[in-house]
C-alpha atoms as a PDB file:
ATOM      1  CA  MET A   1    -188.057  64.182  16.088  1.00  0.00           C
ATOM      2  CA  ASN A   2    -189.910  64.538  19.365  1.00  0.00           C
ATOM      3  CA  THR A   3    -189.410  61.580  21.729  1.00  0.00           C
ATOM      4  CA  GLU A   4    -193.183  61.421  22.249  1.00  0.00           C
ATOM      5  CA  TYR A   5    -193.682  60.677  18.536  1.00  0.00           C
ATOM      6  CA  LYS A   6    -190.770  58.241  18.510  1.00  0.00           C
ATOM      7  CA  LYS A   7    -192.673  56.347  21.200  1.00  0.00           C
ATOM      8  CA  TYR A   8    -195.831  56.341  19.046  1.00  0.00           C
ATOM      9  CA  ILE A   9    -193.867  55.054  16.069  1.00  0.00           C
ATOM     10  CA  GLU A  10    -192.292  52.305  18.181  1.00  0.00           C
ATOM     11  CA  GLU A  11    -195.790  51.207  19.244  1.00  0.00           C
ATOM     12  CA  LEU A  12    -196.943  50.873  15.633  1.00  0.00           C
ATOM     13  CA  PRO A  13    -196.898  47.433  14.011  1.00  0.00           C
ATOM     14  CA  GLU A  14    -193.517  46.461  12.615  1.00  0.00           C
ATOM     15  CA  ILE A  15    -194.769  46.629   9.042  1.00  0.00           C
ATOM     16  CA  VAL A  16    -195.734  50.298   9.530  1.00  0.00           C
ATOM     17  CA  GLN A  17    -192.413  51.111  11.213  1.00  0.00           C
ATOM     18  CA  ASN A  18    -190.569  49.551   8.272  1.00  0.00           C
ATOM     19  CA  ALA A  19    -192.629  51.566   5.802  1.00  0.00           C
ATOM     20  CA  ILE A  20    -191.879  54.787   7.657  1.00  0.00           C
ATOM     21  CA  ASN A  21    -188.158  53.984   7.806  1.00  0.00           C
ATOM     22  CA  ASN A  22    -188.027  52.974   4.135  1.00  0.00           C
ATOM     23  CA  ALA A  23    -189.758  56.202   3.098  1.00  0.00           C
ATOM     24  CA  GLN A  24    -186.915  58.284   4.580  1.00  0.00           C
ATOM     25  CA  VAL A  25    -189.391  60.658   6.213  1.00  0.00           C
ATOM     26  CA  THR A  26    -186.889  62.832   8.063  1.00  0.00           C
ATOM     27  CA  GLU A  27    -184.767  63.465   4.975  1.00  0.00           C
ATOM     28  CA  LYS A  28    -187.800  64.418   2.903  1.00  0.00           C
ATOM     29  CA  MET A  29    -189.082  66.759   5.601  1.00  0.00           C
ATOM     30  CA  ARG A  30    -185.699  68.522   5.689  1.00  0.00           C
ATOM     31  CA  LYS A  31    -185.856  69.042   1.927  1.00  0.00           C
ATOM     32  CA  LEU A  32    -189.325  70.555   2.301  1.00  0.00           C
ATOM     33  CA  ALA A  33    -188.145  72.891   5.040  1.00  0.00           C
ATOM     34  CA  LYS A  34    -185.236  73.995   2.868  1.00  0.00           C
ATOM     35  CA  LYS A  35    -187.487  74.461  -0.185  1.00  0.00           C
ATOM     36  CA  TYR A  36    -189.948  76.651   1.733  1.00  0.00           C
ATOM     37  CA  ALA A  37    -187.128  78.474   3.593  1.00  0.00           C
ATOM     38  CA  LEU A  38    -188.349  77.585   7.064  1.00  0.00           C
ATOM     39  CA  HIS A  39    -186.311  78.566  10.078  1.00  0.00           C
ATOM     40  CA  LEU A  40    -185.055  75.696  12.279  1.00  0.00           C
ATOM     41  CA  ASP A  41    -187.649  76.187  15.007  1.00  0.00           C
ATOM     42  CA  LYS A  42    -190.502  76.257  12.476  1.00  0.00           C
ATOM     43  CA  TRP A  43    -189.035  73.236  10.720  1.00  0.00           C
ATOM     44  CA  ASN A  44    -189.070  71.296  14.021  1.00  0.00           C
ATOM     45  CA  VAL A  45    -192.704  72.212  14.636  1.00  0.00           C
ATOM     46  CA  LEU A  46    -193.576  71.262  11.035  1.00  0.00           C
ATOM     47  CA  GLU A  47    -191.849  67.913  11.519  1.00  0.00           C
ATOM     48  CA  GLU A  48    -193.936  67.296  14.639  1.00  0.00           C
ATOM     49  CA  GLU A  49    -197.133  68.185  12.740  1.00  0.00           C
ATOM     50  CA  ILE A  50    -196.281  65.736   9.965  1.00  0.00           C
ATOM     51  CA  ILE A  51    -195.343  62.938  12.369  1.00  0.00           C
ATOM     52  CA  ALA A  52    -198.473  63.585  14.478  1.00  0.00           C
ATOM     53  CA  THR A  53    -200.560  63.253  11.325  1.00  0.00           C
ATOM     54  CA  LEU A  54    -198.600  60.194  10.227  1.00  0.00           C
ATOM     55  CA  VAL A  55    -199.175  58.311  13.483  1.00  0.00           C
ATOM     56  CA  GLY A  56    -202.840  59.303  13.625  1.00  0.00           C
ATOM     57  CA  GLN A  57    -202.679  61.882  16.403  1.00  0.00           C
ATOM     58  CA  LYS A  58    -203.964  64.678  14.149  1.00  0.00           C
ATOM     59  CA  ASP A  59    -206.561  64.792  11.413  1.00  0.00           C
ATOM     60  CA  PRO A  60    -204.928  64.646   7.961  1.00  0.00           C
ATOM     61  CA  TYR A  61    -207.633  66.891   6.473  1.00  0.00           C
ATOM     62  CA  SER A  62    -206.614  69.717   8.804  1.00  0.00           C
ATOM     63  CA  LEU A  63    -202.932  69.452   7.837  1.00  0.00           C
ATOM     64  CA  PRO A  64    -202.923  72.546   5.553  1.00  0.00           C
ATOM     65  CA  SER A  65    -204.415  74.779   8.251  1.00  0.00           C
ATOM     66  CA  ASN A  66    -202.132  73.242  10.901  1.00  0.00           C
ATOM     67  CA  ILE A  67    -199.078  73.899   8.725  1.00  0.00           C
ATOM     68  CA  SER A  68    -200.227  77.458   8.143  1.00  0.00           C
ATOM     69  CA  SER A  69    -200.647  78.101  11.852  1.00  0.00           C
ATOM     70  CA  VAL A  70    -197.312  76.585  12.953  1.00  0.00           C
ATOM     71  CA  THR A  71    -195.136  77.938  10.142  1.00  0.00           C
ATOM     72  CA  GLY A  72    -196.771  81.282   9.432  1.00  0.00           C
ATOM     73  CA  LEU A  73    -197.119  80.439   5.722  1.00  0.00           C
ATOM     74  CA  ASP A  74    -200.271  81.580   3.971  1.00  0.00           C
ATOM     75  CA  ILE A  75    -202.915  78.940   3.314  1.00  0.00           C
ATOM     76  CA  THR A  76    -202.029  78.672  -0.403  1.00  0.00           C
ATOM     77  CA  LYS A  77    -198.377  77.872   0.362  1.00  0.00           C
ATOM     78  CA  SER A  78    -199.514  75.530   3.145  1.00  0.00           C
ATOM     79  CA  GLN A  79    -201.756  73.682   0.685  1.00  0.00           C
ATOM     80  CA  GLU A  80    -198.854  73.405  -1.781  1.00  0.00           C
ATOM     81  CA  MET A  81    -196.663  72.046   1.001  1.00  0.00           C
ATOM     82  CA  THR A  82    -199.388  69.602   2.051  1.00  0.00           C
ATOM     83  CA  ASP A  83    -199.708  68.338  -1.520  1.00  0.00           C
ATOM     84  CA  GLU A  84    -195.965  67.808  -1.608  1.00  0.00           C
ATOM     85  CA  ILE A  85    -196.027  66.064   1.792  1.00  0.00           C
ATOM     86  CA  VAL A  86    -198.735  63.731   0.569  1.00  0.00           C
ATOM     87  CA  ARG A  87    -196.843  63.013  -2.649  1.00  0.00           C
ATOM     88  CA  THR A  88    -193.347  62.618  -1.179  1.00  0.00           C
ATOM     89  CA  ILE A  89    -194.000  61.242   2.320  1.00  0.00           C
ATOM     90  CA  PHE A  90    -197.450  59.746   2.796  1.00  0.00           C
ATOM     91  CA  LYS A  91    -197.846  58.138  -0.644  1.00  0.00           C
ATOM     92  CA  PRO A  92    -194.510  56.230  -0.531  1.00  0.00           C
ATOM     93  CA  ILE A  93    -195.386  54.969   2.956  1.00  0.00           C
ATOM     94  CA  ARG A  94    -198.779  53.834   1.704  1.00  0.00           C
ATOM     95  CA  GLU A  95    -197.187  52.118  -1.296  1.00  0.00           C
ATOM     96  CA  GLU A  96    -194.650  50.408   0.961  1.00  0.00           C
ATOM     97  CA  LEU A  97    -197.444  49.199   3.245  1.00  0.00           C
ATOM     98  CA  GLN A  98    -199.462  47.960   0.281  1.00  0.00           C
ATOM     99  CA  TYR A  99    -196.425  46.103  -1.075  1.00  0.00           C
ATOM    100  CA  GLU A 100    -195.768  44.486   2.319  1.00  0.00           C
ATOM    101  CA  LEU A 101    -199.414  43.512   2.772  1.00  0.00           C
ATOM    102  CA  ASP A 102    -199.647  42.139  -0.771  1.00  0.00           C
ATOM    103  CA  THR A 103    -196.466  40.131  -0.228  1.00  0.00           C
ATOM    104  CA  LYS A 104    -197.777  38.687   3.038  1.00  0.00           C
ATOM    105  CA  GLN A 105    -201.157  37.928   1.444  1.00  0.00           C
ATOM    106  CA  LYS A 106    -199.491  36.134  -1.472  1.00  0.00           C
ATOM    107  CA  ALA A 107    -197.422  34.062   0.954  1.00  0.00           C
ATOM    108  CA  LYS A 108    -200.559  33.255   2.946  1.00  0.00           C
ATOM    109  CA  ASP A 109    -202.416  32.291  -0.240  1.00  0.00           C
ATOM    110  CA  ILE A 110    -199.565  30.008  -1.285  1.00  0.00           C
ATOM    111  CA  LEU A 111    -199.535  28.317   2.130  1.00  0.00           C
ATOM    112  CA  THR A 112    -203.321  27.958   2.120  1.00  0.00           C
ATOM    113  CA  LYS A 113    -203.226  26.444  -1.376  1.00  0.00           C
ATOM    114  CA  LYS A 114    -200.480  24.073  -0.257  1.00  0.00           C
ATOM    115  CA  ASP A 115    -202.597  23.005   2.749  1.00  0.00           C
ATOM    116  CA  GLU A 116    -205.605  22.423   0.505  1.00  0.00           C
ATOM    117  CA  ASP A 117    -203.502  20.269  -1.821  1.00  0.00           C
ATOM    118  CA  THR A 118    -202.254  18.090   1.021  1.00  0.00           C
ATOM    119  CA  GLN A 119    -205.663  17.431   2.614  1.00  0.00           C
ATOM    120  CA  PRO A 120    -207.132  13.980   1.989  1.00  0.00           C
ATOM    121  CA  ASN A 121    -209.632  13.597  -0.813  1.00  0.00           C
ATOM    122  CA  GLU A 122    -213.280  13.434   0.082  1.00  0.00           C
ATOM    123  CA  ILE A 123    -214.782   9.972   0.098  1.00  0.00           C
ATOM    124  CA  PRO A 124    -217.932   9.701  -2.027  1.00  0.00           C
ATOM    125  CA  THR A 125    -221.021   8.808  -0.053  1.00  0.00           C
ATOM    126  CA  ASP A 126    -222.892   6.786  -2.673  1.00  0.00           C
ATOM    127  CA  ASN A 127    -225.112   3.950  -1.461  1.00  0.00           C
ATOM    128  CA  TYR A 128    -222.769   1.194  -2.616  1.00  0.00           C
ATOM    129  CA  LEU A 129    -220.033   2.498  -0.313  1.00  0.00           C
ATOM    130  CA  GLN A 130    -222.176   2.594   2.790  1.00  0.00           C
ATOM    131  CA  THR A 131    -220.977  -0.240   4.972  1.00  0.00           C
ATOM    132  CA  ASN A 132    -223.840  -0.129   7.437  1.00  0.00           C
ATOM    133  CA  ILE A 133    -226.422  -1.391   4.868  1.00  0.00           C
ATOM    134  CA  PRO A 134    -226.253  -5.063   3.814  1.00  0.00           C
ATOM    135  CA  SER A 135    -225.857  -5.421   0.072  1.00  0.00           C
ATOM    136  CA  SER A 136    -229.094  -7.428  -0.220  1.00  0.00           C
ATOM    137  CA  GLU A 137    -231.042  -4.439   1.128  1.00  0.00           C
ATOM    138  CA  ARG A 138    -229.560  -1.805  -1.140  1.00  0.00           C
ATOM    139  CA  LYS A 139    -232.120  -0.486  -3.583  1.00  0.00           C
ATOM    140  CA  ASP A 140    -229.766   1.109  -6.068  1.00  0.00           C
ATOM    141  CA  VAL A 141    -227.841  -1.514  -7.943  1.00  0.00           C
ATOM    142  CA  ASN A 142    -227.049   0.637 -10.963  1.00  0.00           C
ATOM    143  CA  SER A 143    -224.293   2.492  -9.185  1.00  0.00           C
ATOM    144  CA  ASP A 144    -222.736  -0.754  -7.897  1.00  0.00           C
ATOM    145  CA  PRO A 145    -220.392  -2.087 -10.601  1.00  0.00           C
ATOM    146  CA  TYR A 146    -220.267  -5.546  -8.984  1.00  0.00           C
ATOM    147  CA  ARG A 147    -223.999  -6.245  -8.812  1.00  0.00           C
ATOM    148  CA  GLU A 148    -226.440  -7.156 -11.474  1.00  0.00           C
ATOM    149  CA  SER A 149    -230.116  -6.551 -11.306  1.00  0.00           C
ATOM    150  CA  ILE A 150    -232.191  -9.696 -10.730  1.00  0.00           C
ATOM    151  CA  ASP A 151    -235.382  -8.171 -12.121  1.00  0.00           C
END
């Protein structure tokens, strides 16, 4: 892998780096190169195309035409290869990222719920609890369990 792309990968958030490492990208790219009988130099260029797309340096929608131009494969074979790249490389990375994000979100939700449970209860603001009004001036006596109406 080109050192320039290694640098880009190292600059990605840790969660993305982990997803890329867990997806075994290099091994899967080698299998693709072997399947499509690519020579070593074309395989290296293909690897750079895939990594450039993976780190966002190249447009993923132009991947089939990029593969065709760097490997010399016809556009039909390049599209087949792109479909396989999406299925075997990009999709597992996306699933890994989704799993990591879901796990972090669940942990965050649990912590938030725990914080909500430990916050003090709200104090009702009914008239009979207001300490700044003398009890003789309170109009509502029905909500005060300790007062009887004089009327």
